[in-house]
């Protein structure tokens, strides 16, 4: 009963011992730990469940598994199907006139029940991943598609384009001289690239396409940088990815690769939801989400944002 978490975003924790669960849910602290194989070796990845998703698990599982007076503390399952099912029951102590939780183990689930709970936890992880991605994507796109952001982004590129062209105007003078072979021809190619490859929002029917283009655009290195990189000019100028770079000055707005990556990924996700009817999700996972209302109270992992696949 192997578990593949696909591309969930987890934090790496300590290497696993010889025998550890393939999945473990600390229901009270919202911690989920899974065993995965990376580069041929077993390791553990962990994530903290969203409080709403963890509440949904507690509230919507069968009463015999978890209820307000007899709740799950933790559940672990091993590769061979063995499991640990720890619970605690609320008891009233007549001597102290107080209620307290008494912990106990209930390791008598059937193989079918173990598999069911295992599949439910897989679905909970899918809900967490999808909801986080969609909510974050929508928030970023909401900002990135505002007029002031689009205008500012376009103006910044145009201003930089103008600055780069002006700084190379000298190369077009009749008395310009070369420091190395074919330098002036390269400057002409550099200027042509700058003029012909900067686009504006109005060049796109969909602003999402503009955002993706904007975040993928790479500036050409100038002939000086090319000559320093390839003194013998073995590779034609502006012919390979090494002749382009994301930012021009290494710092400033065009060096915020982490932020830009978020905008690009968010725009791609938004396009996928728009063009494909939603993010793809396996029907078996969706059935478990529906059956146990794992997306209750969430705004991202809802059917309107999903494309259910067989």
C-alpha atoms as a PDB file:
ATOM      1  CA  UNK A   1       0.000   0.000   0.000  1.00  0.00           C
ATOM      2  CA  UNK A   2       2.538   2.544  -1.202  1.00  0.00           C
ATOM      3  CA  UNK A   3       1.768   6.255  -1.140  1.00  0.00           C
ATOM      4  CA  UNK A   4       2.897   8.742  -3.754  1.00  0.00           C
ATOM      5  CA  UNK A   5       2.425  12.382  -2.659  1.00  0.00           C
ATOM      6  CA  UNK A   6       3.191  13.672  -6.156  1.00  0.00           C
ATOM      7  CA  UNK A   7       4.434  17.242  -5.815  1.00  0.00           C
ATOM      8  CA  UNK A   8       3.108  18.283  -2.419  1.00  0.00           C
ATOM      9  CA  UNK A   9       5.139  21.028  -0.793  1.00  0.00           C
ATOM     10  CA  UNK A  10       6.544  19.600   2.423  1.00  0.00           C
ATOM     11  CA  UNK A  11       9.450  20.383   4.685  1.00  0.00           C
ATOM     12  CA  UNK A  12      12.144  17.745   4.900  1.00  0.00           C
ATOM     13  CA  UNK A  13      12.698  16.345   8.384  1.00  0.00           C
ATOM     14  CA  UNK A  14      14.968  13.746   9.970  1.00  0.00           C
ATOM     15  CA  UNK A  15      15.850  10.585   7.988  1.00  0.00           C
ATOM     16  CA  UNK A  16      13.552   7.646   8.759  1.00  0.00           C
ATOM     17  CA  UNK A  17      14.410   4.825  11.064  1.00  0.00           C
ATOM     18  CA  UNK A  18      14.419   1.255   9.783  1.00  0.00           C
ATOM     19  CA  UNK A  19      10.706   0.749  10.473  1.00  0.00           C
ATOM     20  CA  UNK A  20       8.547   3.823  10.390  1.00  0.00           C
ATOM     21  CA  UNK A  21       5.011   4.516   9.134  1.00  0.00           C
ATOM     22  CA  UNK A  22       4.436   5.370   5.501  1.00  0.00           C
ATOM     23  CA  UNK A  23       1.969   7.997   6.684  1.00  0.00           C
ATOM     24  CA  UNK A  24       1.297   9.436  10.116  1.00  0.00           C
ATOM     25  CA  UNK A  25      -1.334  11.929  11.244  1.00  0.00           C
ATOM     26  CA  UNK A  26      -0.955  13.755  14.547  1.00  0.00           C
ATOM     27  CA  UNK A  27      -4.596  14.767  14.778  1.00  0.00           C
ATOM     28  CA  UNK A  28      -4.247  17.081  17.774  1.00  0.00           C
ATOM     29  CA  UNK A  29      -1.302  19.092  16.427  1.00  0.00           C
ATOM     30  CA  UNK A  30      -2.364  18.991  12.745  1.00  0.00           C
ATOM     31  CA  UNK A  31       0.914  17.391  11.663  1.00  0.00           C
ATOM     32  CA  UNK A  32       1.050  15.046   8.690  1.00  0.00           C
ATOM     33  CA  UNK A  33       4.202  13.032   7.966  1.00  0.00           C
ATOM     34  CA  UNK A  34       4.740  10.811   4.938  1.00  0.00           C
ATOM     35  CA  UNK A  35       7.523   8.530   3.800  1.00  0.00           C
ATOM     36  CA  UNK A  36       8.725   9.062   0.231  1.00  0.00           C
ATOM     37  CA  UNK A  37      11.601   7.808  -1.868  1.00  0.00           C
ATOM     38  CA  UNK A  38      13.944  10.499  -3.172  1.00  0.00           C
ATOM     39  CA  UNK A  39      16.950   9.595  -5.310  1.00  0.00           C
ATOM     40  CA  UNK A  40      16.504   5.962  -4.385  1.00  0.00           C
ATOM     41  CA  UNK A  41      16.481   6.539  -0.627  1.00  0.00           C
ATOM     42  CA  UNK A  42      13.648   6.795   1.885  1.00  0.00           C
ATOM     43  CA  UNK A  43      13.077  10.087   3.612  1.00  0.00           C
ATOM     44  CA  UNK A  44      10.291  11.818   5.495  1.00  0.00           C
ATOM     45  CA  UNK A  45       8.405  14.924   4.504  1.00  0.00           C
ATOM     46  CA  UNK A  46       6.097  16.779   6.843  1.00  0.00           C
ATOM     47  CA  UNK A  47       3.463  19.483   6.611  1.00  0.00           C
ATOM     48  CA  UNK A  48       1.073  21.122   9.032  1.00  0.00           C
ATOM     49  CA  UNK A  49      -2.528  20.766   7.965  1.00  0.00           C
ATOM     50  CA  UNK A  50      -4.695  23.839   7.631  1.00  0.00           C
ATOM     51  CA  UNK A  51      -6.818  24.139  10.766  1.00  0.00           C
ATOM     52  CA  UNK A  52     -10.048  23.969   8.745  1.00  0.00           C
ATOM     53  CA  UNK A  53      -8.986  20.776   6.977  1.00  0.00           C
ATOM     54  CA  UNK A  54      -7.947  19.178  10.269  1.00  0.00           C
ATOM     55  CA  UNK A  55     -11.303  20.194  11.796  1.00  0.00           C
ATOM     56  CA  UNK A  56     -13.104  18.688   8.807  1.00  0.00           C
ATOM     57  CA  UNK A  57     -11.312  15.415   9.390  1.00  0.00           C
ATOM     58  CA  UNK A  58     -12.330  15.320  13.051  1.00  0.00           C
ATOM     59  CA  UNK A  59     -15.898  16.404  12.363  1.00  0.00           C
ATOM     60  CA  UNK A  60     -16.740  14.358   9.288  1.00  0.00           C
ATOM     61  CA  UNK A  61     -15.106  11.007   9.942  1.00  0.00           C
ATOM     62  CA  UNK A  62     -17.447   8.219  11.135  1.00  0.00           C
ATOM     63  CA  UNK A  63     -18.478   8.706  14.772  1.00  0.00           C
ATOM     64  CA  UNK A  64     -16.896   5.409  15.790  1.00  0.00           C
ATOM     65  CA  UNK A  65     -13.561   6.822  14.663  1.00  0.00           C
ATOM     66  CA  UNK A  66     -13.810  10.339  16.027  1.00  0.00           C
ATOM     67  CA  UNK A  67     -16.431  12.411  17.815  1.00  0.00           C
ATOM     68  CA  UNK A  68     -16.514  15.208  20.371  1.00  0.00           C
ATOM     69  CA  UNK A  69     -16.240  12.774  23.301  1.00  0.00           C
ATOM     70  CA  UNK A  70     -13.972  10.130  21.768  1.00  0.00           C
ATOM     71  CA  UNK A  71     -11.507  11.653  19.343  1.00  0.00           C
ATOM     72  CA  UNK A  72      -8.524  10.534  17.295  1.00  0.00           C
ATOM     73  CA  UNK A  73      -5.117  11.454  18.716  1.00  0.00           C
ATOM     74  CA  UNK A  74      -2.982   9.899  15.992  1.00  0.00           C
ATOM     75  CA  UNK A  75      -3.068   7.369  13.202  1.00  0.00           C
ATOM     76  CA  UNK A  76      -0.107   5.619  11.603  1.00  0.00           C
ATOM     77  CA  UNK A  77       0.049   2.911   8.967  1.00  0.00           C
ATOM     78  CA  UNK A  78       3.006   0.809   7.911  1.00  0.00           C
ATOM     79  CA  UNK A  79       3.841  -0.622   4.512  1.00  0.00           C
ATOM     80  CA  UNK A  80       2.688  -4.110   5.533  1.00  0.00           C
ATOM     81  CA  UNK A  81      -0.717  -2.768   6.646  1.00  0.00           C
ATOM     82  CA  UNK A  82      -0.009  -2.737  10.385  1.00  0.00           C
ATOM     83  CA  UNK A  83      -1.379   0.358  12.072  1.00  0.00           C
ATOM     84  CA  UNK A  84      -1.444   2.348  15.281  1.00  0.00           C
ATOM     85  CA  UNK A  85      -4.742   4.049  16.089  1.00  0.00           C
ATOM     86  CA  UNK A  86      -4.515   6.165  19.223  1.00  0.00           C
ATOM     87  CA  UNK A  87      -7.585   7.843  20.695  1.00  0.00           C
ATOM     88  CA  UNK A  88      -8.676   9.640  23.830  1.00  0.00           C
ATOM     89  CA  UNK A  89     -12.036   9.600  25.554  1.00  0.00           C
ATOM     90  CA  UNK A  90     -13.575  12.361  27.651  1.00  0.00           C
ATOM     91  CA  UNK A  91     -14.414  11.015  31.131  1.00  0.00           C
ATOM     92  CA  UNK A  92     -15.990  12.728  34.107  1.00  0.00           C
ATOM     93  CA  UNK A  93     -14.081  12.269  37.368  1.00  0.00           C
ATOM     94  CA  UNK A  94     -16.658  12.337  40.154  1.00  0.00           C
ATOM     95  CA  UNK A  95     -13.961  12.729  42.816  1.00  0.00           C
ATOM     96  CA  UNK A  96     -12.645  15.962  41.333  1.00  0.00           C
ATOM     97  CA  UNK A  97     -15.893  17.003  39.642  1.00  0.00           C
ATOM     98  CA  UNK A  98     -13.915  17.600  36.427  1.00  0.00           C
ATOM     99  CA  UNK A  99     -13.772  16.074  32.973  1.00  0.00           C
ATOM    100  CA  UNK A 100     -10.481  14.870  31.550  1.00  0.00           C
ATOM    101  CA  UNK A 101      -9.219  13.084  28.483  1.00  0.00           C
ATOM    102  CA  UNK A 102      -8.024   9.500  28.906  1.00  0.00           C
ATOM    103  CA  UNK A 103      -5.770   8.193  26.161  1.00  0.00           C
ATOM    104  CA  UNK A 104      -5.895   4.636  24.834  1.00  0.00           C
ATOM    105  CA  UNK A 105      -4.966   2.576  21.775  1.00  0.00           C
ATOM    106  CA  UNK A 106      -7.582   1.028  19.501  1.00  0.00           C
ATOM    107  CA  UNK A 107      -5.552  -0.980  17.038  1.00  0.00           C
ATOM    108  CA  UNK A 108      -8.375  -3.189  15.847  1.00  0.00           C
ATOM    109  CA  UNK A 109      -9.330  -1.562  12.558  1.00  0.00           C
ATOM    110  CA  UNK A 110      -9.985  -3.989   9.728  1.00  0.00           C
ATOM    111  CA  UNK A 111      -7.772  -3.931   6.643  1.00  0.00           C
ATOM    112  CA  UNK A 112     -10.598  -2.200   4.792  1.00  0.00           C
ATOM    113  CA  UNK A 113     -10.919   0.484   7.467  1.00  0.00           C
ATOM    114  CA  UNK A 114      -7.159   1.091   7.475  1.00  0.00           C
ATOM    115  CA  UNK A 115      -7.216   1.494   3.688  1.00  0.00           C
ATOM    116  CA  UNK A 116     -10.210   3.832   3.920  1.00  0.00           C
ATOM    117  CA  UNK A 117      -8.582   6.100   6.499  1.00  0.00           C
ATOM    118  CA  UNK A 118      -5.357   6.021   4.507  1.00  0.00           C
ATOM    119  CA  UNK A 119      -7.225   7.174   1.384  1.00  0.00           C
ATOM    120  CA  UNK A 120      -9.032   9.887   3.367  1.00  0.00           C
ATOM    121  CA  UNK A 121      -5.711  11.309   4.558  1.00  0.00           C
ATOM    122  CA  UNK A 122      -4.391  11.254   0.978  1.00  0.00           C
ATOM    123  CA  UNK A 123      -7.469  13.236  -0.052  1.00  0.00           C
ATOM    124  CA  UNK A 124      -6.893  15.692   2.809  1.00  0.00           C
ATOM    125  CA  UNK A 125      -3.362  16.295   1.546  1.00  0.00           C
ATOM    126  CA  UNK A 126      -4.709  16.879  -1.970  1.00  0.00           C
ATOM    127  CA  UNK A 127      -7.240  19.380  -0.610  1.00  0.00           C
ATOM    128  CA  UNK A 128      -4.482  21.211   1.244  1.00  0.00           C
ATOM    129  CA  UNK A 129      -2.253  21.439  -1.822  1.00  0.00           C
ATOM    130  CA  UNK A 130      -4.991  22.534  -4.216  1.00  0.00           C
ATOM    131  CA  UNK A 131      -6.639  25.018  -1.863  1.00  0.00           C
ATOM    132  CA  UNK A 132      -3.311  26.646  -0.985  1.00  0.00           C
ATOM    133  CA  UNK A 133      -2.282  26.925  -4.641  1.00  0.00           C
ATOM    134  CA  UNK A 134      -5.592  28.365  -5.821  1.00  0.00           C
ATOM    135  CA  UNK A 135      -6.079  30.837  -2.976  1.00  0.00           C
ATOM    136  CA  UNK A 136      -2.501  32.101  -3.290  1.00  0.00           C
ATOM    137  CA  UNK A 137      -2.751  32.238  -7.072  1.00  0.00           C
ATOM    138  CA  UNK A 138      -5.966  34.256  -6.971  1.00  0.00           C
ATOM    139  CA  UNK A 139      -4.525  36.716  -4.456  1.00  0.00           C
ATOM    140  CA  UNK A 140      -1.390  37.270  -6.548  1.00  0.00           C
ATOM    141  CA  UNK A 141      -3.303  37.562  -9.816  1.00  0.00           C
ATOM    142  CA  UNK A 142      -5.732  40.001  -8.211  1.00  0.00           C
ATOM    143  CA  UNK A 143      -2.814  42.332  -7.532  1.00  0.00           C
ATOM    144  CA  UNK A 144      -0.919  41.617 -10.747  1.00  0.00           C
ATOM    145  CA  UNK A 145      -3.882  42.362 -13.029  1.00  0.00           C
ATOM    146  CA  UNK A 146      -4.731  45.694 -11.481  1.00  0.00           C
ATOM    147  CA  UNK A 147      -4.266  48.584 -13.878  1.00  0.00           C
ATOM    148  CA  UNK A 148      -1.593  50.287 -11.787  1.00  0.00           C
ATOM    149  CA  UNK A 149       0.522  47.109 -11.674  1.00  0.00           C
ATOM    150  CA  UNK A 150       0.188  46.409 -15.400  1.00  0.00           C
ATOM    151  CA  UNK A 151       0.956  50.024 -16.325  1.00  0.00           C
ATOM    152  CA  UNK A 152       3.933  50.209 -13.982  1.00  0.00           C
ATOM    153  CA  UNK A 153       5.359  46.909 -15.232  1.00  0.00           C
ATOM    154  CA  UNK A 154       5.008  47.955 -18.869  1.00  0.00           C
ATOM    155  CA  UNK A 155       6.474  51.405 -18.220  1.00  0.00           C
ATOM    156  CA  UNK A 156       9.458  49.936 -16.379  1.00  0.00           C
ATOM    157  CA  UNK A 157      10.292  47.698 -19.333  1.00  0.00           C
ATOM    158  CA  UNK A 158       9.872  50.537 -21.830  1.00  0.00           C
ATOM    159  CA  UNK A 159      12.038  52.868 -19.753  1.00  0.00           C
ATOM    160  CA  UNK A 160      14.754  50.247 -19.486  1.00  0.00           C
ATOM    161  CA  UNK A 161      14.518  49.537 -23.202  1.00  0.00           C
ATOM    162  CA  UNK A 162      14.951  53.249 -23.943  1.00  0.00           C
ATOM    163  CA  UNK A 163      17.886  53.509 -21.547  1.00  0.00           C
ATOM    164  CA  UNK A 164      19.657  50.534 -23.140  1.00  0.00           C
ATOM    165  CA  UNK A 165      19.098  51.882 -26.641  1.00  0.00           C
ATOM    166  CA  UNK A 166      20.392  55.322 -25.719  1.00  0.00           C
ATOM    167  CA  UNK A 167      23.470  53.871 -24.035  1.00  0.00           C
ATOM    168  CA  UNK A 168      24.313  52.113 -27.293  1.00  0.00           C
ATOM    169  CA  UNK A 169      23.533  54.990 -29.686  1.00  0.00           C
ATOM    170  CA  UNK A 170      27.253  55.591 -30.116  1.00  0.00           C
ATOM    171  CA  UNK A 171      27.559  52.281 -31.982  1.00  0.00           C
ATOM    172  CA  UNK A 172      25.432  53.663 -34.826  1.00  0.00           C
ATOM    173  CA  UNK A 173      27.598  56.725 -35.484  1.00  0.00           C
ATOM    174  CA  UNK A 174      29.522  56.820 -38.734  1.00  0.00           C
ATOM    175  CA  UNK A 175      32.866  57.177 -36.930  1.00  0.00           C
ATOM    176  CA  UNK A 176      32.251  54.388 -34.379  1.00  0.00           C
ATOM    177  CA  UNK A 177      35.192  52.008 -34.048  1.00  0.00           C
ATOM    178  CA  UNK A 178      35.399  48.370 -33.059  1.00  0.00           C
ATOM    179  CA  UNK A 179      37.321  46.883 -30.127  1.00  0.00           C
ATOM    180  CA  UNK A 180      36.899  43.370 -31.503  1.00  0.00           C
ATOM    181  CA  UNK A 181      35.766  41.730 -34.728  1.00  0.00           C
ATOM    182  CA  UNK A 182      32.133  42.290 -35.782  1.00  0.00           C
ATOM    183  CA  UNK A 183      31.409  44.382 -32.693  1.00  0.00           C
ATOM    184  CA  UNK A 184      29.339  47.034 -34.501  1.00  0.00           C
ATOM    185  CA  UNK A 185      27.294  44.376 -36.268  1.00  0.00           C
ATOM    186  CA  UNK A 186      26.540  42.828 -32.869  1.00  0.00           C
ATOM    187  CA  UNK A 187      25.448  46.178 -31.475  1.00  0.00           C
ATOM    188  CA  UNK A 188      22.998  46.485 -34.373  1.00  0.00           C
ATOM    189  CA  UNK A 189      21.649  43.009 -33.603  1.00  0.00           C
ATOM    190  CA  UNK A 190      21.392  43.925 -29.906  1.00  0.00           C
ATOM    191  CA  UNK A 191      19.397  47.087 -30.662  1.00  0.00           C
ATOM    192  CA  UNK A 192      17.137  45.285 -33.124  1.00  0.00           C
ATOM    193  CA  UNK A 193      16.340  42.636 -30.532  1.00  0.00           C
ATOM    194  CA  UNK A 194      15.450  45.299 -27.964  1.00  0.00           C
ATOM    195  CA  UNK A 195      13.130  47.069 -30.392  1.00  0.00           C
ATOM    196  CA  UNK A 196      11.359  43.987 -31.735  1.00  0.00           C
ATOM    197  CA  UNK A 197      10.909  41.869 -28.631  1.00  0.00           C
ATOM    198  CA  UNK A 198       9.383  44.191 -26.035  1.00  0.00           C
ATOM    199  CA  UNK A 199       5.620  43.695 -25.923  1.00  0.00           C
ATOM    200  CA  UNK A 200       2.804  45.685 -24.352  1.00  0.00           C
ATOM    201  CA  UNK A 201      -0.345  44.521 -22.523  1.00  0.00           C
ATOM    202  CA  UNK A 202      -2.475  45.508 -25.503  1.00  0.00           C
ATOM    203  CA  UNK A 203      -0.562  42.977 -27.649  1.00  0.00           C
ATOM    204  CA  UNK A 204      -2.379  40.190 -25.774  1.00  0.00           C
ATOM    205  CA  UNK A 205      -6.037  39.214 -25.715  1.00  0.00           C
ATOM    206  CA  UNK A 206      -5.664  37.912 -22.158  1.00  0.00           C
ATOM    207  CA  UNK A 207      -3.757  39.740 -19.406  1.00  0.00           C
ATOM    208  CA  UNK A 208      -2.703  36.374 -18.001  1.00  0.00           C
ATOM    209  CA  UNK A 209      -0.763  35.748 -21.223  1.00  0.00           C
ATOM    210  CA  UNK A 210       0.924  39.116 -20.823  1.00  0.00           C
ATOM    211  CA  UNK A 211       1.918  38.302 -17.242  1.00  0.00           C
ATOM    212  CA  UNK A 212       3.414  34.981 -18.298  1.00  0.00           C
ATOM    213  CA  UNK A 213       5.315  36.624 -21.171  1.00  0.00           C
ATOM    214  CA  UNK A 214       6.500  39.444 -18.920  1.00  0.00           C
ATOM    215  CA  UNK A 215       7.893  37.072 -16.313  1.00  0.00           C
ATOM    216  CA  UNK A 216       9.562  34.860 -18.916  1.00  0.00           C
ATOM    217  CA  UNK A 217      11.203  37.710 -20.821  1.00  0.00           C
ATOM    218  CA  UNK A 218      14.990  37.695 -20.761  1.00  0.00           C
ATOM    219  CA  UNK A 219      17.152  40.646 -21.786  1.00  0.00           C
ATOM    220  CA  UNK A 220      19.981  40.170 -24.281  1.00  0.00           C
ATOM    221  CA  UNK A 221      23.492  40.568 -22.956  1.00  0.00           C
ATOM    222  CA  UNK A 222      25.370  43.322 -24.759  1.00  0.00           C
ATOM    223  CA  UNK A 223      28.301  42.607 -27.111  1.00  0.00           C
ATOM    224  CA  UNK A 224      30.853  43.433 -24.393  1.00  0.00           C
ATOM    225  CA  UNK A 225      29.395  40.763 -22.120  1.00  0.00           C
ATOM    226  CA  UNK A 226      29.228  38.341 -25.054  1.00  0.00           C
ATOM    227  CA  UNK A 227      32.882  38.956 -25.940  1.00  0.00           C
ATOM    228  CA  UNK A 228      33.939  38.410 -22.329  1.00  0.00           C
ATOM    229  CA  UNK A 229      31.914  35.179 -22.246  1.00  0.00           C
ATOM    230  CA  UNK A 230      33.154  33.904 -25.618  1.00  0.00           C
ATOM    231  CA  UNK A 231      36.340  35.747 -26.694  1.00  0.00           C
ATOM    232  CA  UNK A 232      36.757  33.596 -29.804  1.00  0.00           C
ATOM    233  CA  UNK A 233      33.108  34.045 -30.800  1.00  0.00           C
ATOM    234  CA  UNK A 234      32.656  30.329 -31.322  1.00  0.00           C
ATOM    235  CA  UNK A 235      28.908  30.590 -30.743  1.00  0.00           C
ATOM    236  CA  UNK A 236      26.982  33.176 -32.807  1.00  0.00           C
ATOM    237  CA  UNK A 237      25.777  36.173 -30.815  1.00  0.00           C
ATOM    238  CA  UNK A 238      22.245  35.896 -29.341  1.00  0.00           C
ATOM    239  CA  UNK A 239      21.921  32.274 -30.416  1.00  0.00           C
ATOM    240  CA  UNK A 240      21.893  30.414 -27.079  1.00  0.00           C
ATOM    241  CA  UNK A 241      20.183  30.922 -23.694  1.00  0.00           C
ATOM    242  CA  UNK A 242      23.483  32.001 -22.109  1.00  0.00           C
ATOM    243  CA  UNK A 243      23.263  35.183 -24.182  1.00  0.00           C
ATOM    244  CA  UNK A 244      20.150  36.294 -22.299  1.00  0.00           C
ATOM    245  CA  UNK A 245      19.414  36.979 -18.654  1.00  0.00           C
ATOM    246  CA  UNK A 246      16.401  37.797 -16.571  1.00  0.00           C
ATOM    247  CA  UNK A 247      17.686  41.030 -15.095  1.00  0.00           C
ATOM    248  CA  UNK A 248      19.907  43.717 -16.495  1.00  0.00           C
ATOM    249  CA  UNK A 249      21.634  45.228 -13.466  1.00  0.00           C
ATOM    250  CA  UNK A 250      21.559  42.228 -11.077  1.00  0.00           C
ATOM    251  CA  UNK A 251      19.559  44.196  -8.496  1.00  0.00           C
ATOM    252  CA  UNK A 252      16.289  46.060  -8.299  1.00  0.00           C
ATOM    253  CA  UNK A 253      12.843  45.128  -9.526  1.00  0.00           C
ATOM    254  CA  UNK A 254      14.099  42.799 -12.247  1.00  0.00           C
ATOM    255  CA  UNK A 255      16.087  40.710  -9.779  1.00  0.00           C
ATOM    256  CA  UNK A 256      13.111  39.652  -7.675  1.00  0.00           C
ATOM    257  CA  UNK A 257      13.101  36.163  -9.144  1.00  0.00           C
ATOM    258  CA  UNK A 258      11.201  34.640  -6.216  1.00  0.00           C
ATOM    259  CA  UNK A 259       8.348  37.119  -6.505  1.00  0.00           C
ATOM    260  CA  UNK A 260       8.309  36.905 -10.282  1.00  0.00           C
ATOM    261  CA  UNK A 261       8.247  33.130 -10.137  1.00  0.00           C
ATOM    262  CA  UNK A 262       5.154  33.359  -7.971  1.00  0.00           C
ATOM    263  CA  UNK A 263       3.414  35.632 -10.464  1.00  0.00           C
ATOM    264  CA  UNK A 264       4.316  33.384 -13.389  1.00  0.00           C
ATOM    265  CA  UNK A 265       3.161  30.223 -11.621  1.00  0.00           C
ATOM    266  CA  UNK A 266      -0.018  31.933 -10.473  1.00  0.00           C
ATOM    267  CA  UNK A 267      -0.775  33.107 -14.008  1.00  0.00           C
ATOM    268  CA  UNK A 268      -0.183  29.602 -15.372  1.00  0.00           C
ATOM    269  CA  UNK A 269      -2.536  28.131 -12.762  1.00  0.00           C
ATOM    270  CA  UNK A 270      -5.150  30.758 -13.579  1.00  0.00           C
ATOM    271  CA  UNK A 271      -4.847  29.956 -17.295  1.00  0.00           C
ATOM    272  CA  UNK A 272      -5.222  26.253 -16.562  1.00  0.00           C
ATOM    273  CA  UNK A 273      -8.392  26.896 -14.571  1.00  0.00           C
ATOM    274  CA  UNK A 274      -9.666  29.151 -17.338  1.00  0.00           C
ATOM    275  CA  UNK A 275      -8.766  27.057 -20.392  1.00  0.00           C
ATOM    276  CA  UNK A 276      -9.162  23.530 -19.019  1.00  0.00           C
ATOM    277  CA  UNK A 277     -12.125  24.080 -16.740  1.00  0.00           C
ATOM    278  CA  UNK A 278     -10.074  23.872 -13.574  1.00  0.00           C
ATOM    279  CA  UNK A 279      -7.044  22.189 -12.053  1.00  0.00           C
ATOM    280  CA  UNK A 280      -7.019  18.436 -12.757  1.00  0.00           C
ATOM    281  CA  UNK A 281      -7.966  16.179  -9.849  1.00  0.00           C
ATOM    282  CA  UNK A 282      -8.408  12.430  -9.846  1.00  0.00           C
ATOM    283  CA  UNK A 283     -12.049  11.365  -9.431  1.00  0.00           C
ATOM    284  CA  UNK A 284     -11.231   8.869  -6.677  1.00  0.00           C
ATOM    285  CA  UNK A 285      -9.625  11.646  -4.642  1.00  0.00           C
ATOM    286  CA  UNK A 286     -12.563  13.974  -5.356  1.00  0.00           C
ATOM    287  CA  UNK A 287     -15.054  11.295  -4.270  1.00  0.00           C
ATOM    288  CA  UNK A 288     -13.287  11.010  -0.905  1.00  0.00           C
ATOM    289  CA  UNK A 289     -13.224  14.798  -0.549  1.00  0.00           C
ATOM    290  CA  UNK A 290     -16.950  14.901  -1.233  1.00  0.00           C
ATOM    291  CA  UNK A 291     -17.826  11.914   0.928  1.00  0.00           C
ATOM    292  CA  UNK A 292     -16.156  13.375   4.011  1.00  0.00           C
ATOM    293  CA  UNK A 293     -16.637  17.092   3.200  1.00  0.00           C
ATOM    294  CA  UNK A 294     -12.891  17.670   3.450  1.00  0.00           C
ATOM    295  CA  UNK A 295     -13.184  20.998   1.604  1.00  0.00           C
ATOM    296  CA  UNK A 296     -15.908  22.385   3.854  1.00  0.00           C
ATOM    297  CA  UNK A 297     -15.227  26.037   4.671  1.00  0.00           C
ATOM    298  CA  UNK A 298     -12.560  26.381   1.969  1.00  0.00           C
ATOM    299  CA  UNK A 299     -12.678  28.709  -1.021  1.00  0.00           C
ATOM    300  CA  UNK A 300     -10.037  27.246  -3.332  1.00  0.00           C
ATOM    301  CA  UNK A 301     -10.581  23.472  -3.429  1.00  0.00           C
ATOM    302  CA  UNK A 302     -14.161  23.669  -4.731  1.00  0.00           C
ATOM    303  CA  UNK A 303     -15.669  22.104  -7.832  1.00  0.00           C
ATOM    304  CA  UNK A 304     -15.747  25.429  -9.728  1.00  0.00           C
ATOM    305  CA  UNK A 305     -11.927  25.474  -9.691  1.00  0.00           C
ATOM    306  CA  UNK A 306     -11.407  21.794 -10.507  1.00  0.00           C
ATOM    307  CA  UNK A 307     -11.424  19.528 -13.542  1.00  0.00           C
ATOM    308  CA  UNK A 308     -12.281  16.052 -12.283  1.00  0.00           C
ATOM    309  CA  UNK A 309     -10.500  13.346 -14.284  1.00  0.00           C
ATOM    310  CA  UNK A 310     -10.812   9.575 -14.344  1.00  0.00           C
END
